[in-house]
Amino acid sequence: MGKRIRISSESLNCFGTWVKTDGIDYGQYQQNPLLLYMHRRGEIIGSIKDFRVEGKDVTGEPYFDEVRDESKILKQQFDKDTLKMCSPFFEVIETSDAPELLKPGQTRPTVTKCKLLEVSMVDMGGNDDNIVQLSYQGNPLKLAAGEDCPSLPLLKINGGETPQNNNTKTEETMNVDFKAIALKLGLPETATEAEILAKVGILLGYQTANTELRTQLDAMKLAGVTQMVDDAIKAGKFNADKKDHFINLGKTVGAENLKLTLDSMAAVTKPMQLINPGGATGGMTTGQWNKLSEVPEAQLKLMRENEPDKYRALYKAEYGIECPKFN
């Protein structure tokens, strides 16, 4: 038993229509079930064996006679699954635009009666099931985009208008689009395509420059936040292991809010500072410094803020002049 192939089904095809299976006349074809290639008369490559109609599907087994070189090659491709699709050639007899026979997305009347003339192996299908070839009164129906087909015209919708062709745009539609784009860009509606593209190029340049400036600004903000956090660590407000936490806080709330937070924090007093507030300075404690250079750096800022008179006295002892005023 060979491989079967679907010849027809009731799925919507690439022409925007579908063929009712129970309306197909197979009589002539079953008497002469020739298999062609690409619907070319005279290029017989075999026949369809075990022709069946099961529900909505019409199937059969392609048989390649291998008389012609084309038949030999196509058989090899079919066996290797590189050639997979066939196409029926239907002669249209009757159509209907009855709503109950229309499928979603359908743009042409339903083929309710037709005659199967031949089946061809094809390279590319027009839908998921197969390619469908249609004819009317012996003439192939031209259903390509932009081609008229009086025998199977487009369906009428909304007061007799034909549905919009979604695959192509008319010159008029394109002009309307250009006008809308030009006005959106601040150009006159008469702007040419070149002028529109030039304006788009300028705007893209602004966008790139804006992105770069934002990156630089973010880097500057991060540097400022990092410096404030480092200063707070030096002032003893928290340990260095909290640095990442406060930097992330600054990124979230901003530099100004971070500054308010850090300014409200007091320096941490260590137990040893309570025992020996002067720190390890060669045995000296608070009040034993003779000049400013003897004060530990960690105490210097605290003295300036909390004991300004003592700071001024040590400053004069160090430099021999009065300490300048400071807040």
Protein backbone atom coordinates (compact mmCIF):
# COMPACT_ATOMS: atom_id res chain seq x y z
CA MET A 1 0.00 0.00 0.00
CA GLY A 2 1.47 3.32 -1.09
CA LYS A 3 1.39 6.73 0.53
CA ARG A 4 -1.91 8.56 0.33
CA ILE A 5 -2.28 12.21 -0.47
CA ARG A 6 -5.17 14.59 0.13
CA ILE A 7 -6.61 15.82 -3.15
CA SER A 8 -9.35 18.05 -1.78
CA SER A 9 -11.01 19.09 1.47
CA GLU A 10 -13.43 21.77 2.53
CA SER A 11 -10.79 24.08 3.96
CA LEU A 12 -10.55 27.69 2.79
CA ASN A 13 -8.02 27.96 -0.04
CA CYS A 14 -5.70 30.70 -1.22
CA PHE A 15 -8.36 32.12 -3.57
CA GLY A 16 -10.67 32.98 -0.69
CA THR A 17 -13.20 30.24 -1.45
CA TRP A 18 -13.78 26.54 -0.74
CA VAL A 19 -15.21 23.55 -2.58
CA LYS A 20 -18.06 21.47 -1.17
CA THR A 21 -16.99 17.84 -1.29
CA ASP A 22 -20.50 16.50 -1.85
CA GLY A 23 -20.85 18.79 -4.86
CA ILE A 24 -17.86 17.36 -6.77
CA ASP A 25 -18.51 15.22 -9.87
CA TYR A 26 -15.78 12.52 -10.00
CA GLY A 27 -17.30 10.37 -12.75
CA GLN A 28 -15.06 11.34 -15.63
CA TYR A 29 -11.91 11.46 -13.55
CA GLN A 30 -12.41 8.00 -12.06
CA GLN A 31 -12.54 6.60 -15.59
CA ASN A 32 -9.28 8.33 -16.51
CA PRO A 33 -7.43 9.23 -13.27
CA LEU A 34 -4.32 10.75 -14.86
CA LEU A 35 -1.63 12.42 -12.78
CA LEU A 36 0.05 15.49 -14.34
CA TYR A 37 2.81 17.80 -13.17
CA MET A 38 1.96 21.48 -12.47
CA HIS A 39 -1.28 21.18 -14.51
CA ARG A 40 0.62 20.99 -17.80
CA ARG A 41 -1.32 19.05 -20.43
CA GLY A 42 0.74 16.40 -22.15
CA GLU A 43 3.07 15.87 -19.17
CA ILE A 44 1.56 12.66 -17.82
CA ILE A 45 3.66 11.30 -14.95
CA GLY A 46 1.30 8.58 -13.71
CA SER A 47 -2.17 8.17 -12.22
CA ILE A 48 -4.10 8.25 -8.96
CA LYS A 49 -4.76 4.80 -7.48
CA ASP A 50 -7.34 3.85 -4.84
CA PHE A 51 -9.35 7.07 -5.28
CA ARG A 52 -11.54 7.62 -2.16
CA VAL A 53 -14.10 10.09 -0.83
CA GLU A 54 -14.30 9.86 2.97
CA GLY A 55 -16.41 12.51 4.65
CA LYS A 56 -15.06 15.88 3.52
CA ASP A 57 -11.71 14.52 2.33
CA VAL A 58 -10.86 13.28 -1.14
CA THR A 59 -7.68 11.19 -1.15
CA GLY A 60 -5.70 8.84 -3.36
CA GLU A 61 -2.33 7.19 -3.92
CA PRO A 62 -0.06 8.87 -6.48
CA TYR A 63 1.38 6.25 -8.86
CA PHE A 64 4.41 7.33 -10.91
CA ASP A 65 4.75 5.26 -14.11
CA GLU A 66 8.44 6.31 -14.55
CA VAL A 67 8.04 6.35 -18.33
CA ARG A 68 9.23 9.94 -18.57
CA ASP A 69 12.37 11.20 -16.86
CA GLU A 70 10.22 13.72 -14.99
CA SER A 71 8.12 10.88 -13.57
CA LYS A 72 11.24 9.07 -12.34
CA ILE A 73 12.59 12.18 -10.61
CA LEU A 74 9.23 13.12 -9.09
CA LYS A 75 8.75 9.59 -7.75
CA GLN A 76 12.11 9.78 -5.99
CA GLN A 77 11.21 13.16 -4.51
CA PHE A 78 7.79 11.88 -3.41
CA ASP A 79 9.37 8.83 -1.77
CA LYS A 80 11.84 11.08 0.09
CA ASP A 81 9.05 13.46 1.20
CA THR A 82 10.45 16.48 -0.63
CA LEU A 83 7.44 16.49 -3.00
CA LYS A 84 4.31 16.37 -0.84
CA MET A 85 1.46 18.28 -2.41
CA CYS A 86 -1.01 17.76 -5.21
CA SER A 87 -3.58 20.06 -6.81
CA PRO A 88 -7.04 19.22 -8.19
CA PHE A 89 -8.31 21.03 -11.28
CA PHE A 90 -12.03 21.75 -10.82
CA GLU A 91 -14.47 22.98 -13.47
CA VAL A 92 -16.90 25.26 -11.58
CA ILE A 93 -20.60 24.59 -12.27
CA GLU A 94 -22.45 26.40 -9.47
CA THR A 95 -21.54 28.81 -6.65
CA SER A 96 -23.36 30.30 -3.68
CA ASP A 97 -22.91 33.29 -1.40
CA ALA A 98 -25.43 32.04 1.17
CA PRO A 99 -24.30 33.15 4.66
CA GLU A 100 -24.54 29.62 6.06
CA LEU A 101 -21.95 28.49 3.49
CA LEU A 102 -19.42 31.25 4.23
CA LYS A 103 -16.35 30.64 6.39
CA PRO A 104 -14.38 33.24 8.41
CA GLY A 105 -12.06 35.14 6.06
CA GLN A 106 -13.86 34.02 2.89
CA THR A 107 -13.82 36.59 0.07
CA ARG A 108 -15.41 34.68 -2.86
CA PRO A 109 -18.58 32.60 -3.21
CA THR A 110 -18.54 28.95 -2.20
CA VAL A 111 -18.16 26.41 -5.01
CA THR A 112 -21.21 24.18 -4.48
CA LYS A 113 -20.98 22.13 -7.70
CA CYS A 114 -17.95 21.37 -9.85
CA LYS A 115 -16.31 18.69 -11.96
CA LEU A 116 -12.88 17.18 -11.24
CA LEU A 117 -10.89 17.27 -14.50
CA GLU A 118 -7.38 16.26 -13.43
CA VAL A 119 -4.94 16.03 -10.52
CA SER A 120 -1.36 17.33 -10.62
CA MET A 121 1.65 17.03 -8.37
CA VAL A 122 2.84 20.55 -7.49
CA ASP A 123 5.85 22.11 -5.81
CA MET A 124 4.06 24.63 -3.57
CA GLY A 125 0.55 24.62 -2.17
CA GLY A 126 -1.78 27.56 -1.85
CA ASN A 127 -3.14 26.42 1.52
CA ASP A 128 -2.45 23.88 4.23
CA ASP A 129 -4.23 21.01 2.45
CA ASN A 130 -3.42 21.42 -1.24
CA ILE A 131 -3.57 23.78 -4.19
CA VAL A 132 -6.97 24.18 -5.83
CA GLN A 133 -7.19 24.98 -9.52
CA LEU A 134 -10.57 26.24 -10.77
CA SER A 135 -12.00 26.78 -14.23
CA TYR A 136 -15.30 28.00 -15.63
CA GLN A 137 -16.65 27.10 -19.07
CA GLY A 138 -13.30 25.67 -20.03
CA ASN A 139 -11.28 28.74 -19.03
CA PRO A 140 -9.01 28.77 -15.94
CA LEU A 141 -10.21 31.26 -13.36
CA LYS A 142 -7.69 34.02 -12.69
CA LEU A 143 -7.87 34.69 -8.98
CA ALA A 144 -4.53 36.36 -8.43
CA ALA A 145 -4.41 39.68 -6.61
CA GLY A 146 -5.52 42.53 -8.86
CA GLU A 147 -7.05 40.28 -11.55
CA ASP A 148 -10.73 40.39 -12.38
CA CYS A 149 -12.80 37.22 -12.39
CA PRO A 150 -16.46 37.75 -13.41
CA SER A 151 -17.28 34.04 -13.04
CA LEU A 152 -16.24 33.95 -9.37
CA PRO A 153 -16.25 37.61 -8.23
CA LEU A 154 -15.41 38.94 -4.81
CA LEU A 155 -18.23 38.82 -2.26
CA LYS A 156 -20.13 42.05 -1.58
CA ILE A 157 -20.18 43.45 1.95
CA ASN A 158 -21.54 46.52 3.73
CA GLY A 159 -23.88 47.92 1.13
CA GLY A 160 -22.33 46.33 -1.92
CA GLU A 161 -18.67 47.21 -1.36
CA THR A 162 -16.08 44.57 -2.13
CA PRO A 163 -13.76 43.59 0.73
CA GLN A 164 -10.44 45.37 0.91
CA ASN A 165 -7.49 43.58 -0.65
CA ASN A 166 -5.25 42.90 2.34
CA ASN A 167 -2.26 41.80 0.28
CA THR A 168 -1.64 44.90 -1.80
CA LYS A 169 -2.12 48.63 -1.49
CA THR A 170 -3.33 50.91 -4.23
CA GLU A 171 -1.43 54.04 -5.13
CA GLU A 172 -4.28 56.10 -3.68
CA THR A 173 -4.07 54.29 -0.34
CA MET A 174 -0.31 54.71 -0.26
CA ASN A 175 -0.66 58.45 -0.91
CA VAL A 176 -3.07 58.76 2.00
CA ASP A 177 -0.59 56.92 4.21
CA PHE A 178 2.24 59.23 3.12
CA LYS A 179 0.13 62.31 3.90
CA ALA A 180 -0.68 61.03 7.38
CA ILE A 181 2.97 60.23 8.08
CA ALA A 182 4.15 63.60 6.75
CA LEU A 183 1.70 65.53 8.96
CA LYS A 184 2.69 63.45 11.98
CA LEU A 185 6.33 64.40 11.36
CA GLY A 186 5.47 68.10 11.12
CA LEU A 187 5.90 68.17 7.34
CA PRO A 188 3.37 69.43 4.78
CA GLU A 189 1.11 66.73 3.34
CA THR A 190 2.76 67.30 -0.03
CA ALA A 191 6.14 66.07 1.31
CA THR A 192 7.88 63.54 -0.89
CA GLU A 193 9.05 60.11 0.23
CA ALA A 194 12.64 61.38 0.29
CA GLU A 195 11.68 64.31 2.54
CA ILE A 196 9.80 61.99 4.89
CA LEU A 197 12.76 59.61 5.11
CA ALA A 198 15.13 62.54 5.73
CA LYS A 199 12.98 63.75 8.64
CA VAL A 200 12.82 60.22 10.04
CA GLY A 201 16.62 60.08 9.88
CA ILE A 202 16.89 63.33 11.86
CA LEU A 203 14.49 62.06 14.52
CA LEU A 204 16.42 58.81 14.81
CA GLY A 205 19.56 60.88 15.33
CA TYR A 206 17.84 62.82 18.13
CA GLN A 207 16.75 59.55 19.68
CA THR A 208 20.31 58.22 19.67
CA ALA A 209 21.69 61.45 21.14
CA ASN A 210 18.99 61.47 23.83
CA THR A 211 19.85 57.90 24.80
CA GLU A 212 23.53 58.79 25.08
CA LEU A 213 22.78 61.86 27.23
CA ARG A 214 20.57 59.79 29.52
CA THR A 215 23.38 57.28 29.92
CA GLN A 216 25.85 60.00 30.80
CA LEU A 217 23.41 61.61 33.26
CA ASP A 218 22.77 58.28 34.96
CA ALA A 219 26.54 57.76 35.30
CA MET A 220 26.94 61.21 36.88
CA LYS A 221 24.08 60.58 39.30
CA LEU A 222 25.57 57.24 40.28
CA ALA A 223 28.96 58.85 40.90
CA GLY A 224 27.35 61.46 43.17
CA VAL A 225 25.40 58.84 45.10
CA THR A 226 28.53 56.71 45.52
CA GLN A 227 30.51 59.68 46.84
CA MET A 228 27.82 60.50 49.42
CA VAL A 229 27.76 56.89 50.61
CA ASP A 230 31.57 56.78 50.85
CA ASP A 231 31.55 60.02 52.90
CA ALA A 232 28.92 58.58 55.24
CA ILE A 233 31.06 55.48 55.77
CA LYS A 234 34.10 57.64 56.59
CA ALA A 235 31.97 59.62 59.06
CA GLY A 236 31.15 56.36 60.83
CA LYS A 237 27.42 56.47 60.11
CA PHE A 238 27.42 52.83 58.98
CA ASN A 239 29.89 50.12 58.05
CA ALA A 240 31.24 49.49 54.54
CA ASP A 241 29.20 46.29 54.23
CA LYS A 242 26.10 48.49 53.87
CA LYS A 243 27.55 50.41 50.93
CA ASP A 244 25.64 48.57 48.18
CA HIS A 245 22.39 48.93 50.11
CA PHE A 246 22.64 52.72 50.32
CA ILE A 247 23.84 53.06 46.73
CA ASN A 248 20.76 51.13 45.56
CA LEU A 249 18.63 53.30 47.81
CA GLY A 250 20.08 56.38 46.15
CA LYS A 251 19.29 54.99 42.70
CA THR A 252 15.68 54.46 43.78
CA VAL A 253 14.90 57.67 45.72
CA GLY A 254 17.38 60.02 44.06
CA ALA A 255 20.46 61.86 45.29
CA GLU A 256 18.56 64.62 47.11
CA ASN A 257 16.45 62.23 49.18
CA LEU A 258 19.50 60.08 49.92
CA LYS A 259 21.35 63.17 51.21
CA LEU A 260 18.45 63.97 53.56
CA THR A 261 18.54 60.41 54.85
CA LEU A 262 22.30 60.37 55.42
CA ASP A 263 22.33 63.82 57.04
CA SER A 264 19.74 62.62 59.56
CA MET A 265 21.94 59.70 60.60
CA ALA A 266 24.34 60.10 63.53
CA ALA A 267 27.76 58.48 63.58
CA VAL A 268 27.89 55.13 65.33
CA THR A 269 29.62 55.31 68.73
CA LYS A 270 31.82 52.30 69.35
CA PRO A 271 32.20 50.83 72.85
CA MET A 272 35.91 51.76 72.99
CA GLN A 273 35.02 55.36 72.24
CA LEU A 274 32.82 55.42 75.33
CA ILE A 275 35.68 54.10 77.43
CA ASN A 276 38.37 56.22 75.75
CA PRO A 277 36.73 59.06 73.78
CA GLY A 278 40.11 60.39 72.72
CA GLY A 279 41.12 57.20 71.00
CA ALA A 280 44.64 55.81 70.86
CA THR A 281 46.80 58.91 70.55
CA GLY A 282 49.88 58.05 72.52
CA GLY A 283 48.06 58.04 75.84
CA MET A 284 46.29 61.37 75.35
CA THR A 285 42.53 61.65 75.96
CA THR A 286 40.07 64.41 75.22
CA GLY A 287 41.38 67.73 76.46
CA GLN A 288 45.05 66.63 76.36
CA TRP A 289 45.77 67.74 72.76
CA ASN A 290 48.09 70.68 72.51
CA LYS A 291 47.53 71.55 68.88
CA LEU A 292 45.33 70.67 65.95
CA SER A 293 47.75 68.23 64.30
CA GLU A 294 47.60 65.96 67.36
CA VAL A 295 43.84 65.39 67.05
CA PRO A 296 42.99 62.06 65.35
CA GLU A 297 41.41 62.60 61.96
CA ALA A 298 38.29 60.68 63.04
CA GLN A 299 37.78 63.16 65.95
CA LEU A 300 38.66 66.31 64.05
CA LYS A 301 35.32 66.74 62.28
CA LEU A 302 33.35 65.88 65.42
CA MET A 303 35.34 68.45 67.40
CA ARG A 304 34.72 71.08 64.76
CA GLU A 305 30.96 70.42 64.90
CA ASN A 306 30.50 69.71 68.63
CA GLU A 307 33.35 71.62 70.36
CA PRO A 308 34.10 74.62 68.13
CA ASP A 309 35.83 76.60 70.89
CA LYS A 310 38.29 73.81 71.55
CA TYR A 311 38.85 73.48 67.79
CA ARG A 312 39.64 77.20 67.51
CA ALA A 313 42.04 77.04 70.46
CA LEU A 314 43.98 74.13 68.96
CA TYR A 315 43.96 75.85 65.57
CA LYS A 316 45.60 78.97 67.10
CA ALA A 317 48.11 76.75 68.93
CA GLU A 318 48.95 75.05 65.65
CA TYR A 319 49.22 78.07 63.36
CA GLY A 320 49.63 81.05 65.71
CA ILE A 321 46.62 82.89 64.29
CA GLU A 322 42.92 83.01 65.03
CA CYS A 323 40.83 80.34 63.36
CA PRO A 324 38.70 81.67 60.49
CA LYS A 325 35.01 81.73 61.08
CA PHE A 326 33.09 78.62 60.08
CA ASN A 327 29.51 77.47 60.36
